[in-house]
Amino acid sequence: MQGDLGKGGKSSTVVLNCISTDDTNGFQSGTPVAFKAIQKSSATCIDDILAVEREIKALALLSPHPNVVRYHATLHGKERIYLLM
């Protein structure tokens, strides 16, 4: 399964299949994972930065809940922040 899950004003979320050469990352090759990409340029004020920080903290806190997407990591690129779920 691959494709778009959603798009917002400052981010988009896609599903990709994990490609792994080993299982040390906790995912088997072919496992679907979601990436939320947030444009760094869209954070034009401190409130935008704090909103992203709150979202990451909330996902991490709620991650064990069966009805909430499981948060795995945050990755920083040159132009985007990626949330791996």
N, C-alpha and C. Protein backbone atom coordinates (compact mmCIF):
# COMPACT_ATOMS: atom_id res chain seq x y z
N MET A 1 0.85 -1.18 0.00
CA MET A 1 0.00 0.00 0.00
C MET A 1 0.89 1.23 0.00
N GLN A 2 0.68 2.13 -0.93
CA GLN A 2 1.39 3.39 -0.99
C GLN A 2 0.43 4.47 -1.44
N GLY A 3 0.68 5.69 -1.04
CA GLY A 3 -0.15 6.79 -1.51
C GLY A 3 -0.34 7.86 -0.47
N ASP A 4 -1.09 8.87 -0.85
CA ASP A 4 -1.36 10.00 0.03
C ASP A 4 -2.41 9.64 1.07
N LEU A 5 -2.16 10.05 2.31
CA LEU A 5 -3.16 9.89 3.38
C LEU A 5 -3.90 11.20 3.61
N GLY A 6 -3.19 12.30 3.48
CA GLY A 6 -3.82 13.58 3.73
C GLY A 6 -2.89 14.74 3.42
N LYS A 7 -3.49 15.91 3.30
CA LYS A 7 -2.73 17.12 3.00
C LYS A 7 -3.34 18.27 3.76
N GLY A 8 -2.49 19.03 4.41
CA GLY A 8 -2.95 20.19 5.14
C GLY A 8 -2.28 21.44 4.60
N GLY A 9 -2.50 22.54 5.27
CA GLY A 9 -1.91 23.79 4.83
C GLY A 9 -0.40 23.84 4.95
N LYS A 10 0.13 23.08 5.90
CA LYS A 10 1.57 23.14 6.15
C LYS A 10 2.26 21.79 6.07
N SER A 11 1.50 20.73 5.75
CA SER A 11 2.09 19.40 5.74
C SER A 11 1.33 18.47 4.81
N SER A 12 1.95 17.33 4.55
CA SER A 12 1.29 16.26 3.81
C SER A 12 1.74 14.94 4.43
N THR A 13 0.89 13.93 4.34
CA THR A 13 1.20 12.63 4.92
C THR A 13 1.03 11.56 3.84
N VAL A 14 2.04 10.71 3.73
CA VAL A 14 2.01 9.64 2.74
C VAL A 14 2.33 8.31 3.41
N VAL A 15 1.86 7.22 2.78
CA VAL A 15 2.19 5.87 3.23
C VAL A 15 3.19 5.30 2.24
N LEU A 16 4.26 4.72 2.76
CA LEU A 16 5.29 4.08 1.95
C LEU A 16 5.56 2.70 2.52
N ASN A 17 6.08 1.82 1.71
CA ASN A 17 6.50 0.51 2.19
C ASN A 17 7.95 0.60 2.65
N CYS A 18 8.21 0.10 3.84
CA CYS A 18 9.55 0.12 4.41
C CYS A 18 10.47 -0.79 3.58
N ILE A 19 11.64 -0.28 3.26
CA ILE A 19 12.67 -1.09 2.61
C ILE A 19 13.83 -1.16 3.60
N SER A 20 14.09 -2.35 4.09
CA SER A 20 15.08 -2.53 5.14
C SER A 20 16.00 -3.67 4.78
N THR A 21 17.30 -3.46 5.02
CA THR A 21 18.26 -4.53 4.78
C THR A 21 18.44 -5.40 6.02
N ASP A 22 17.96 -4.92 7.17
CA ASP A 22 17.99 -5.71 8.40
C ASP A 22 16.78 -5.34 9.23
N ASP A 23 16.58 -5.99 10.36
CA ASP A 23 15.41 -5.70 11.17
C ASP A 23 15.74 -4.91 12.44
N THR A 24 16.89 -4.22 12.47
CA THR A 24 17.27 -3.48 13.67
C THR A 24 16.43 -2.24 13.89
N ASN A 25 15.75 -1.76 12.84
CA ASN A 25 14.92 -0.56 13.00
C ASN A 25 13.52 -0.88 13.51
N GLY A 26 13.21 -2.16 13.72
CA GLY A 26 11.91 -2.54 14.23
C GLY A 26 10.86 -2.77 13.16
N PHE A 27 11.20 -2.59 11.89
CA PHE A 27 10.27 -2.80 10.79
C PHE A 27 10.80 -3.90 9.89
N GLN A 28 9.91 -4.73 9.43
CA GLN A 28 10.28 -5.71 8.42
C GLN A 28 10.11 -5.07 7.06
N SER A 29 10.91 -5.49 6.10
CA SER A 29 10.80 -4.97 4.75
C SER A 29 9.39 -5.21 4.23
N GLY A 30 8.80 -4.19 3.62
CA GLY A 30 7.44 -4.29 3.11
C GLY A 30 6.38 -3.78 4.05
N THR A 31 6.74 -3.50 5.31
CA THR A 31 5.79 -2.98 6.28
C THR A 31 5.38 -1.56 5.88
N PRO A 32 4.07 -1.25 5.84
CA PRO A 32 3.66 0.12 5.53
C PRO A 32 3.99 1.06 6.69
N VAL A 33 4.56 2.21 6.37
CA VAL A 33 4.86 3.25 7.36
C VAL A 33 4.33 4.58 6.81
N ALA A 34 3.95 5.46 7.71
CA ALA A 34 3.46 6.78 7.32
C ALA A 34 4.51 7.83 7.65
N PHE A 35 4.70 8.74 6.72
CA PHE A 35 5.58 9.89 6.93
C PHE A 35 4.76 11.15 6.81
N LYS A 36 4.83 12.00 7.82
CA LYS A 36 4.22 13.32 7.73
C LYS A 36 5.35 14.30 7.48
N ALA A 37 5.28 15.02 6.38
CA ALA A 37 6.31 15.99 6.02
C ALA A 37 5.78 17.40 6.29
N ILE A 38 6.49 18.14 7.13
CA ILE A 38 6.10 19.50 7.49
C ILE A 38 7.15 20.45 6.91
N GLN A 39 6.70 21.39 6.09
CA GLN A 39 7.62 22.37 5.50
C GLN A 39 8.18 23.28 6.58
N LYS A 40 9.51 23.37 6.66
CA LYS A 40 10.12 24.27 7.64
C LYS A 40 9.80 25.72 7.33
N SER A 41 9.69 26.04 6.05
CA SER A 41 9.40 27.42 5.65
C SER A 41 8.01 27.88 6.08
N SER A 42 7.12 26.93 6.40
CA SER A 42 5.77 27.30 6.83
C SER A 42 5.74 27.75 8.29
N ALA A 43 6.81 27.48 9.02
CA ALA A 43 6.89 27.93 10.42
C ALA A 43 7.39 29.37 10.42
N THR A 44 6.45 30.30 10.31
CA THR A 44 6.82 31.70 10.16
C THR A 44 6.89 32.47 11.48
N CYS A 45 6.43 31.84 12.56
CA CYS A 45 6.50 32.50 13.86
C CYS A 45 6.70 31.44 14.95
N ILE A 46 6.97 31.89 16.15
CA ILE A 46 7.24 30.98 17.26
C ILE A 46 6.04 30.08 17.55
N ASP A 47 4.83 30.58 17.34
CA ASP A 47 3.63 29.76 17.58
C ASP A 47 3.58 28.55 16.65
N ASP A 48 4.03 28.71 15.41
CA ASP A 48 4.07 27.59 14.46
C ASP A 48 5.07 26.53 14.92
N ILE A 49 6.21 26.96 15.39
CA ILE A 49 7.25 26.03 15.87
C ILE A 49 6.75 25.30 17.11
N LEU A 50 6.11 26.02 18.01
CA LEU A 50 5.57 25.40 19.24
C LEU A 50 4.45 24.41 18.92
N ALA A 51 3.65 24.70 17.89
CA ALA A 51 2.58 23.78 17.50
C ALA A 51 3.15 22.46 17.02
N VAL A 52 4.23 22.50 16.23
CA VAL A 52 4.87 21.27 15.76
C VAL A 52 5.45 20.51 16.96
N GLU A 53 6.09 21.24 17.86
CA GLU A 53 6.66 20.60 19.05
C GLU A 53 5.58 19.94 19.90
N ARG A 54 4.43 20.60 20.06
CA ARG A 54 3.32 20.02 20.82
C ARG A 54 2.78 18.76 20.14
N GLU A 55 2.68 18.80 18.82
CA GLU A 55 2.19 17.62 18.08
C GLU A 55 3.11 16.43 18.29
N ILE A 56 4.42 16.66 18.22
CA ILE A 56 5.39 15.57 18.42
C ILE A 56 5.28 15.02 19.84
N LYS A 57 5.20 15.89 20.82
CA LYS A 57 5.10 15.45 22.22
C LYS A 57 3.80 14.68 22.46
N ALA A 58 2.70 15.16 21.87
CA ALA A 58 1.42 14.47 22.05
C ALA A 58 1.45 13.09 21.41
N LEU A 59 2.00 12.99 20.19
CA LEU A 59 2.10 11.68 19.54
C LEU A 59 2.96 10.72 20.35
N ALA A 60 4.06 11.22 20.87
CA ALA A 60 4.95 10.36 21.67
C ALA A 60 4.25 9.89 22.95
N LEU A 61 3.51 10.78 23.58
CA LEU A 61 2.82 10.45 24.82
C LEU A 61 1.67 9.46 24.59
N LEU A 62 0.93 9.64 23.50
CA LEU A 62 -0.25 8.82 23.23
C LEU A 62 0.06 7.58 22.40
N SER A 63 1.28 7.43 21.96
CA SER A 63 1.66 6.38 21.03
C SER A 63 1.27 4.97 21.46
N PRO A 64 1.32 4.60 22.73
CA PRO A 64 0.93 3.23 23.08
C PRO A 64 -0.58 2.98 22.99
N HIS A 65 -1.40 4.01 22.84
CA HIS A 65 -2.85 3.84 22.81
C HIS A 65 -3.28 3.13 21.53
N PRO A 66 -4.18 2.14 21.63
CA PRO A 66 -4.57 1.36 20.44
C PRO A 66 -5.34 2.16 19.39
N ASN A 67 -5.92 3.30 19.75
CA ASN A 67 -6.70 4.09 18.79
C ASN A 67 -5.96 5.32 18.27
N VAL A 68 -4.66 5.40 18.56
CA VAL A 68 -3.85 6.53 18.11
C VAL A 68 -2.69 5.98 17.30
N VAL A 69 -2.37 6.66 16.20
CA VAL A 69 -1.26 6.22 15.36
C VAL A 69 0.01 6.13 16.20
N ARG A 70 0.83 5.13 15.93
CA ARG A 70 2.05 4.91 16.71
C ARG A 70 3.17 5.78 16.17
N TYR A 71 3.75 6.60 17.03
CA TYR A 71 4.84 7.50 16.66
C TYR A 71 6.17 6.77 16.85
N HIS A 72 7.07 6.89 15.86
CA HIS A 72 8.36 6.23 15.95
C HIS A 72 9.54 7.19 16.04
N ALA A 73 9.56 8.24 15.23
CA ALA A 73 10.74 9.10 15.21
C ALA A 73 10.44 10.41 14.49
N THR A 74 11.30 11.39 14.73
CA THR A 74 11.30 12.65 14.01
C THR A 74 12.62 12.76 13.28
N LEU A 75 12.55 13.08 12.00
CA LEU A 75 13.75 13.25 11.18
C LEU A 75 13.75 14.68 10.65
N HIS A 76 14.95 15.27 10.59
CA HIS A 76 15.08 16.64 10.11
C HIS A 76 15.82 16.66 8.79
N GLY A 77 15.17 17.21 7.76
CA GLY A 77 15.80 17.41 6.47
C GLY A 77 16.12 18.89 6.31
N LYS A 78 16.68 19.23 5.18
CA LYS A 78 17.05 20.62 4.93
C LYS A 78 15.82 21.53 4.86
N GLU A 79 14.75 21.03 4.21
CA GLU A 79 13.55 21.86 4.01
C GLU A 79 12.34 21.38 4.77
N ARG A 80 12.40 20.16 5.34
CA ARG A 80 11.22 19.59 5.99
C ARG A 80 11.57 18.86 7.29
N ILE A 81 10.57 18.73 8.14
CA ILE A 81 10.62 17.88 9.31
C ILE A 81 9.72 16.68 8.99
N TYR A 82 10.20 15.48 9.24
CA TYR A 82 9.44 14.27 8.94
C TYR A 82 9.08 13.54 10.22
N LEU A 83 7.80 13.23 10.37
CA LEU A 83 7.35 12.41 11.49
C LEU A 83 7.10 11.01 10.97
N LEU A 84 7.76 10.04 11.53
CA LEU A 84 7.61 8.63 11.13
C LEU A 84 6.60 7.98 12.06
N MET A 85 5.51 7.47 11.45
CA MET A 85 4.43 6.88 12.23
C MET A 85 4.10 5.51 11.67
